[in-house]
């Protein structure tokens, strides 16, 4: 028996609504602020009493080696009651702590101060999962450059872009935002905050090709082009933040599809199990989609307390399933840690990424 298309569509829509909404119907009350997690309060230890760092990026190499980048140190905001007027804060600090490494307890155990002159806004830090030497890549958005360092931070191995010079040719960037690697060592760059394109380079940093132009049509972007990721099918997912959507391309930049109505997507995390988590900065939430872009679940809320979001920026996970989210805010600590609740639905946990988590962390 055939059913009218509108009936099938209604049934499917209802099923999707139940799938997303069911997470809120397990118990009375509550607003599911932290999903399947419990925030670890006061985990990040301040470098200086009375000051916090604005979070830019986090990458977990191991549970005791967590990279954390920041661009600004600011005074701890005064505590105020709900609805009370804002209280003027003191001026930001002149100190900078661009590249830090944390242990499992949130202590800073290492800082790459020797490279401070290179940085202005270290927008992304990461290690390619395909690199046995575990070299460290850092994108400095505001200086328009991308750096590759040795694992221990003692050597600068590669520099792409010209410091402080914007362009859209094969040797310049327009405030680049993020990077994603392929098994052969080649990589895509989301470029970015001034340009509206994705650029591909080979493993040696040789320019291969680029795509994208200003606009809202298929294959076009509005600033910011905030992230680029690759899924199990070899498709390239791009956070078209200015157009509130994720766009999907093949490996050569041919437009395939889009996932619309995603508020200011900042970061894309494709899990090993085959779902896609998107960090929504404006929405102050994490949302999970299947590989076809269908919404599965979400959680998160705005606030200044432990576990609450004020412009979440990117994320990473450790081998124990703990989740780390960077917060680009001058109102709260710039990095949050979340531990899985004992009763957590494993389907709602942010699992390891098949291409953004190191192999040793995926077992």
Protein backbone atom coordinates (compact mmCIF):
# COMPACT_ATOMS: atom_id res chain seq x y z
CA UNK A 1 0.00 0.00 0.00
CA UNK A 2 1.36 3.39 -0.97
CA UNK A 3 1.19 6.30 1.43
CA UNK A 4 0.96 9.92 0.36
CA UNK A 5 4.31 11.64 0.55
CA UNK A 6 3.06 14.19 3.06
CA UNK A 7 2.11 11.39 5.49
CA UNK A 8 5.55 9.78 5.21
CA UNK A 9 7.18 13.18 5.68
CA UNK A 10 5.08 13.85 8.76
CA UNK A 11 5.91 10.46 10.25
CA UNK A 12 9.63 11.01 9.61
CA UNK A 13 9.54 14.51 11.10
CA UNK A 14 7.73 13.20 14.14
CA UNK A 15 10.28 10.44 14.59
CA UNK A 16 13.12 12.95 14.41
CA UNK A 17 11.39 15.16 16.96
CA UNK A 18 11.02 12.23 19.32
CA UNK A 19 14.67 11.26 18.80
CA UNK A 20 15.91 14.72 19.74
CA UNK A 21 13.34 15.43 22.42
CA UNK A 22 13.47 12.02 24.13
CA UNK A 23 16.64 12.98 25.95
CA UNK A 24 14.59 15.49 27.94
CA UNK A 25 11.86 13.02 28.95
CA UNK A 26 13.80 10.60 31.14
CA UNK A 27 13.01 12.30 34.44
CA UNK A 28 10.91 15.10 35.89
CA UNK A 29 12.20 18.63 35.69
CA UNK A 30 15.60 19.72 34.55
CA UNK A 31 16.77 21.48 31.41
CA UNK A 32 19.54 19.10 30.30
CA UNK A 33 22.14 21.87 30.56
CA UNK A 34 25.18 19.59 30.33
CA UNK A 35 23.75 16.63 28.45
CA UNK A 36 25.49 13.38 29.45
CA UNK A 37 28.29 15.18 31.30
CA UNK A 38 29.10 16.66 34.67
CA UNK A 39 31.25 19.82 34.63
CA UNK A 40 34.53 19.57 36.52
CA UNK A 41 34.39 22.81 38.51
CA UNK A 42 37.61 24.81 38.98
CA UNK A 43 39.58 22.32 36.90
CA UNK A 44 41.67 24.90 35.04
CA UNK A 45 44.19 26.45 37.44
CA UNK A 46 44.80 30.18 36.83
CA UNK A 47 48.34 31.24 36.03
CA UNK A 48 47.94 34.39 38.11
CA UNK A 49 45.57 35.08 40.95
CA UNK A 50 42.77 37.41 39.86
CA UNK A 51 43.19 36.79 36.12
CA UNK A 52 41.79 34.42 33.50
CA UNK A 53 42.77 33.57 29.92
CA UNK A 54 40.43 33.86 26.94
CA UNK A 55 40.34 30.42 25.29
CA UNK A 56 41.12 30.00 21.61
CA UNK A 57 41.82 26.29 21.08
CA UNK A 58 42.32 22.97 22.86
CA UNK A 59 43.88 19.73 21.65
CA UNK A 60 44.34 16.60 23.77
CA UNK A 61 47.48 14.69 22.86
CA UNK A 62 47.20 12.50 25.97
CA UNK A 63 45.39 12.83 29.32
CA UNK A 64 48.50 14.49 30.77
CA UNK A 65 49.45 16.60 27.74
CA UNK A 66 46.66 18.99 26.77
CA UNK A 67 47.50 21.89 24.47
CA UNK A 68 45.65 25.11 25.22
CA UNK A 69 46.04 28.39 23.32
CA UNK A 70 44.87 31.84 24.39
CA UNK A 71 45.18 35.41 23.14
CA UNK A 72 44.21 37.61 26.10
CA UNK A 73 44.58 37.70 29.88
CA UNK A 74 41.82 39.61 31.67
CA UNK A 75 40.73 40.33 35.26
CA UNK A 76 38.25 37.92 36.83
CA UNK A 77 34.83 39.56 36.31
CA UNK A 78 33.07 40.66 39.52
CA UNK A 79 30.28 38.40 40.72
CA UNK A 80 26.84 39.96 40.26
CA UNK A 81 23.31 38.77 40.87
CA UNK A 82 20.95 37.93 38.03
CA UNK A 83 19.51 41.03 36.41
CA UNK A 84 21.99 43.40 38.07
CA UNK A 85 23.79 45.90 35.82
CA UNK A 86 27.21 45.11 34.43
CA UNK A 87 30.16 46.24 36.50
CA UNK A 88 33.10 47.77 34.68
CA UNK A 89 36.13 45.49 34.55
CA UNK A 90 39.71 46.53 34.90
CA UNK A 91 41.95 46.73 31.81
CA UNK A 92 43.34 43.55 30.26
CA UNK A 93 46.78 42.40 31.29
CA UNK A 94 49.79 43.08 29.09
CA UNK A 95 50.95 39.50 29.71
CA UNK A 96 50.32 36.82 27.11
CA UNK A 97 50.27 33.07 27.47
CA UNK A 98 49.79 32.00 23.86
CA UNK A 99 50.79 28.32 23.99
CA UNK A 100 50.38 26.26 27.15
CA UNK A 101 50.38 22.56 27.97
CA UNK A 102 48.23 21.29 30.84
CA UNK A 103 48.24 18.10 32.87
CA UNK A 104 45.19 16.02 33.82
CA UNK A 105 44.54 18.24 36.83
CA UNK A 106 44.44 21.47 34.85
CA UNK A 107 47.88 22.71 35.87
CA UNK A 108 50.12 24.49 33.38
CA UNK A 109 53.19 22.25 33.13
CA UNK A 110 54.81 23.81 30.07
CA UNK A 111 54.64 27.09 28.17
CA UNK A 112 56.20 27.89 24.80
CA UNK A 113 57.26 31.44 25.69
CA UNK A 114 60.21 31.19 23.28
CA UNK A 115 57.83 31.68 20.36
CA UNK A 116 55.77 34.61 21.73
CA UNK A 117 57.04 36.98 19.03
CA UNK A 118 55.34 34.87 16.35
CA UNK A 119 51.85 35.06 17.74
CA UNK A 120 48.98 37.46 18.05
CA UNK A 121 45.95 35.14 18.03
CA UNK A 122 46.76 31.38 18.01
CA UNK A 123 43.34 30.41 16.72
CA UNK A 124 43.98 26.67 16.42
CA UNK A 125 46.44 24.12 17.76
CA UNK A 126 46.47 20.50 16.57
CA UNK A 127 48.54 17.43 15.68
CA UNK A 128 47.90 15.37 12.56
CA UNK A 129 46.75 11.85 13.48
CA UNK A 130 48.75 10.61 10.49
CA UNK A 131 52.08 12.02 11.67
CA UNK A 132 54.19 9.54 13.69
CA UNK A 133 56.47 12.40 14.81
CA UNK A 134 53.52 14.29 16.32
CA UNK A 135 54.57 17.68 15.04
CA UNK A 136 52.43 20.54 16.36
CA UNK A 137 50.56 22.90 14.03
CA UNK A 138 49.41 26.33 15.14
CA UNK A 139 47.35 28.78 13.09
CA UNK A 140 47.81 32.43 13.99
CA UNK A 141 44.70 34.10 12.65
CA UNK A 142 45.62 37.74 13.12
CA UNK A 143 49.18 37.43 11.80
CA UNK A 144 47.95 35.46 8.75
CA UNK A 145 50.35 32.58 9.26
CA UNK A 146 50.48 28.82 9.84
CA UNK A 147 53.34 27.20 11.77
CA UNK A 148 54.58 23.64 12.11
CA UNK A 149 56.71 22.92 15.19
CA UNK A 150 58.59 19.86 16.39
CA UNK A 151 56.76 17.86 19.03
CA UNK A 152 58.77 19.36 21.86
CA UNK A 153 58.37 22.92 20.56
CA UNK A 154 62.10 23.47 20.17
CA UNK A 155 62.17 23.73 16.38
CA UNK A 156 60.07 25.69 13.89
CA UNK A 157 59.80 23.35 10.91
CA UNK A 158 57.53 25.23 8.49
CA UNK A 159 55.96 28.65 8.08
CA UNK A 160 53.20 29.43 5.60
CA UNK A 161 51.99 32.95 4.90
CA UNK A 162 53.59 36.35 5.39
CA UNK A 163 53.31 37.93 8.81
CA UNK A 164 50.60 40.59 8.90
CA UNK A 165 50.12 40.59 5.12
CA UNK A 166 46.73 39.48 3.82
CA UNK A 167 46.15 38.08 0.35
CA UNK A 168 44.28 35.36 -1.52
CA UNK A 169 47.09 34.01 -3.69
CA UNK A 170 49.18 30.87 -3.18
CA UNK A 171 51.50 32.47 -0.60
CA UNK A 172 49.15 34.51 1.58
CA UNK A 173 46.09 34.04 3.78
CA UNK A 174 43.23 36.24 4.86
CA UNK A 175 43.07 35.54 8.60
CA UNK A 176 43.04 31.72 8.46
CA UNK A 177 41.00 29.82 11.03
CA UNK A 178 41.59 26.06 10.99
CA UNK A 179 43.25 23.06 9.36
CA UNK A 180 42.40 19.41 8.61
CA UNK A 181 44.74 16.62 7.48
CA UNK A 182 44.58 13.70 5.06
CA UNK A 183 46.44 10.36 5.37
CA UNK A 184 49.04 11.37 2.75
CA UNK A 185 50.00 14.42 4.83
CA UNK A 186 48.22 16.96 2.63
CA UNK A 187 45.87 19.36 4.36
CA UNK A 188 43.00 21.80 3.93
CA UNK A 189 42.94 25.28 5.46
CA UNK A 190 39.79 27.25 6.30
CA UNK A 191 40.73 30.76 5.11
CA UNK A 192 38.93 32.42 6.83
CA UNK A 193 38.05 35.67 8.60
CA UNK A 194 38.98 37.95 5.69
CA UNK A 195 39.08 35.54 2.75
CA UNK A 196 36.19 33.29 1.77
CA UNK A 197 37.88 30.12 0.59
CA UNK A 198 39.28 26.70 1.41
CA UNK A 199 42.88 26.03 0.38
CA UNK A 200 44.61 22.68 -0.11
CA UNK A 201 48.37 22.10 0.33
CA UNK A 202 50.53 19.01 -0.07
CA UNK A 203 52.48 17.57 2.85
CA UNK A 204 55.39 19.91 2.16
CA UNK A 205 53.24 23.04 2.21
CA UNK A 206 53.04 23.41 -1.57
CA UNK A 207 49.86 25.16 -2.72
CA UNK A 208 47.63 22.81 -4.74
CA UNK A 209 44.31 24.58 -5.27
CA UNK A 210 41.58 26.65 -3.61
CA UNK A 211 37.85 27.17 -3.94
CA UNK A 212 35.18 29.55 -2.70
CA UNK A 213 33.99 33.10 -3.29
CA UNK A 214 31.93 35.70 -1.44
CA UNK A 215 28.20 35.01 -1.34
CA UNK A 216 25.42 32.73 -0.10
CA UNK A 217 25.04 30.36 -3.03
CA UNK A 218 26.32 26.79 -3.31
CA UNK A 219 30.09 26.79 -2.94
CA UNK A 220 30.16 30.40 -1.77
CA UNK A 221 31.01 31.62 1.72
CA UNK A 222 30.54 34.59 3.97
CA UNK A 223 33.17 35.45 6.53
CA UNK A 224 33.90 33.61 8.58
CA UNK A 225 35.00 30.34 6.95
CA UNK A 226 35.69 29.03 10.43
CA UNK A 227 36.56 25.35 10.11
CA UNK A 228 37.19 22.52 7.65
CA UNK A 229 36.98 18.80 8.41
CA UNK A 230 37.05 15.52 6.49
CA UNK A 231 34.67 12.62 7.05
CA UNK A 232 34.95 8.86 6.48
CA UNK A 233 33.67 9.21 2.92
CA UNK A 234 36.42 11.67 2.02
CA UNK A 235 33.96 14.55 1.91
CA UNK A 236 35.10 17.98 3.04
CA UNK A 237 32.82 19.67 5.59
CA UNK A 238 33.18 23.43 5.90
CA UNK A 239 31.81 25.61 8.71
CA UNK A 240 30.33 28.47 6.68
CA UNK A 241 29.78 30.53 9.80
CA UNK A 242 28.67 33.68 8.02
CA UNK A 243 25.85 31.79 6.31
CA UNK A 244 24.83 29.74 9.38
CA UNK A 245 25.43 26.42 7.66
CA UNK A 246 27.77 23.51 7.00
CA UNK A 247 28.66 23.00 3.34
CA UNK A 248 29.78 19.64 1.96
CA UNK A 249 32.26 19.19 -0.91
CA UNK A 250 34.17 16.38 -2.54
CA UNK A 251 37.93 16.15 -2.15
CA UNK A 252 38.46 18.54 -5.08
CA UNK A 253 36.07 21.24 -3.88
CA UNK A 254 33.00 20.25 -5.91
CA UNK A 255 29.82 21.27 -4.08
CA UNK A 256 27.69 18.34 -2.90
CA UNK A 257 25.25 19.48 -0.22
CA UNK A 258 24.58 21.82 2.70
CA UNK A 259 23.16 21.57 6.22
CA UNK A 260 21.32 24.86 6.81
CA UNK A 261 20.12 26.66 9.94
CA UNK A 262 23.10 25.92 12.17
CA UNK A 263 23.78 29.04 14.21
CA UNK A 264 27.36 30.25 13.69
CA UNK A 265 29.12 26.87 13.45
CA UNK A 266 32.61 27.22 14.89
CA UNK A 267 34.05 23.70 14.85
CA UNK A 268 33.33 20.30 13.29
CA UNK A 269 34.21 16.99 14.99
CA UNK A 270 33.52 13.86 12.92
CA UNK A 271 33.51 10.88 15.29
CA UNK A 272 35.00 7.47 14.67
CA UNK A 273 31.50 6.00 15.11
CA UNK A 274 30.08 8.09 12.27
CA UNK A 275 28.35 11.16 13.67
CA UNK A 276 29.23 14.84 13.43
CA UNK A 277 29.39 17.17 16.42
CA UNK A 278 29.20 20.88 15.66
CA UNK A 279 30.18 23.59 18.12
CA UNK A 280 27.68 26.45 17.79
CA UNK A 281 29.24 29.63 19.12
CA UNK A 282 26.19 31.86 18.93
CA UNK A 283 23.88 29.07 20.03
CA UNK A 284 26.13 28.20 22.99
CA UNK A 285 25.58 24.52 22.43
CA UNK A 286 27.05 21.33 21.01
CA UNK A 287 24.86 19.58 18.45
CA UNK A 288 25.21 16.08 17.03
CA UNK A 289 24.19 15.18 13.46
CA UNK A 290 24.33 12.01 11.43
CA UNK A 291 26.41 11.95 8.25
CA UNK A 292 23.38 13.13 6.28
CA UNK A 293 23.00 16.22 8.43
CA UNK A 294 20.01 15.08 10.49
CA UNK A 295 19.98 16.46 14.05
CA UNK A 296 20.34 13.71 16.67
CA UNK A 297 20.81 15.51 19.97
CA UNK A 298 22.19 18.67 21.53
CA UNK A 299 22.98 20.31 24.85
CA UNK A 300 24.54 23.44 26.32
CA UNK A 301 23.43 26.79 27.71
CA UNK A 302 24.74 30.31 28.08
CA UNK A 303 26.18 31.36 31.42
CA UNK A 304 29.26 32.14 33.46
CA UNK A 305 29.15 29.20 35.85
CA UNK A 306 31.01 25.89 35.60
CA UNK A 307 30.03 24.03 32.45
CA UNK A 308 28.09 26.93 30.99
CA UNK A 309 29.06 28.43 27.65
CA UNK A 310 29.89 31.92 26.48
CA UNK A 311 30.96 31.42 22.85
CA UNK A 312 32.34 27.86 22.79
CA UNK A 313 35.09 27.69 20.17
CA UNK A 314 36.39 24.15 19.66
CA UNK A 315 36.67 20.83 21.51
CA UNK A 316 38.77 17.74 22.11
CA UNK A 317 38.40 14.49 24.08
CA UNK A 318 40.75 12.24 26.06
CA UNK A 319 41.01 8.46 26.30
CA UNK A 320 38.74 8.37 29.38
CA UNK A 321 35.94 10.13 27.50
CA UNK A 322 36.44 13.50 29.19
CA UNK A 323 35.44 16.43 27.01
CA UNK A 324 37.31 19.74 26.82
CA UNK A 325 35.72 22.86 25.29
CA UNK A 326 37.54 26.14 24.71
CA UNK A 327 35.56 29.29 25.54
CA UNK A 328 36.28 32.54 23.71
CA UNK A 329 35.05 34.84 26.45
CA UNK A 330 36.14 37.63 28.78
CA UNK A 331 33.44 36.66 31.29
CA UNK A 332 34.59 33.21 32.43
CA UNK A 333 37.43 30.69 32.32
CA UNK A 334 38.52 29.93 28.77
CA UNK A 335 38.55 26.13 29.03
CA UNK A 336 35.94 23.77 30.46
CA UNK A 337 36.36 20.10 31.31
CA UNK A 338 33.37 17.73 31.38
CA UNK A 339 33.40 14.19 32.82
CA UNK A 340 30.87 11.61 31.56
CA UNK A 341 28.08 10.95 34.06
CA UNK A 342 27.92 7.36 35.31
CA UNK A 343 24.41 7.03 33.85
CA UNK A 344 25.27 8.75 30.56
CA UNK A 345 23.78 7.48 27.32
CA UNK A 346 26.95 6.57 25.36
CA UNK A 347 25.26 7.67 22.13
CA UNK A 348 25.23 11.25 23.44
CA UNK A 349 28.90 11.35 24.40
CA UNK A 350 31.36 13.09 22.10
CA UNK A 351 33.51 10.15 21.05
CA UNK A 352 36.99 10.21 19.54
CA UNK A 353 37.31 11.70 16.08
CA UNK A 354 38.51 9.39 13.36
CA UNK A 355 40.83 12.10 11.98
CA UNK A 356 41.23 14.62 14.81
CA UNK A 357 42.19 12.25 17.61
CA UNK A 358 45.60 10.59 17.82
CA UNK A 359 45.50 6.81 17.21
CA UNK A 360 46.70 6.04 20.73
CA UNK A 361 43.65 7.84 22.11
CA UNK A 362 41.12 5.85 20.08
CA UNK A 363 41.51 2.41 21.64
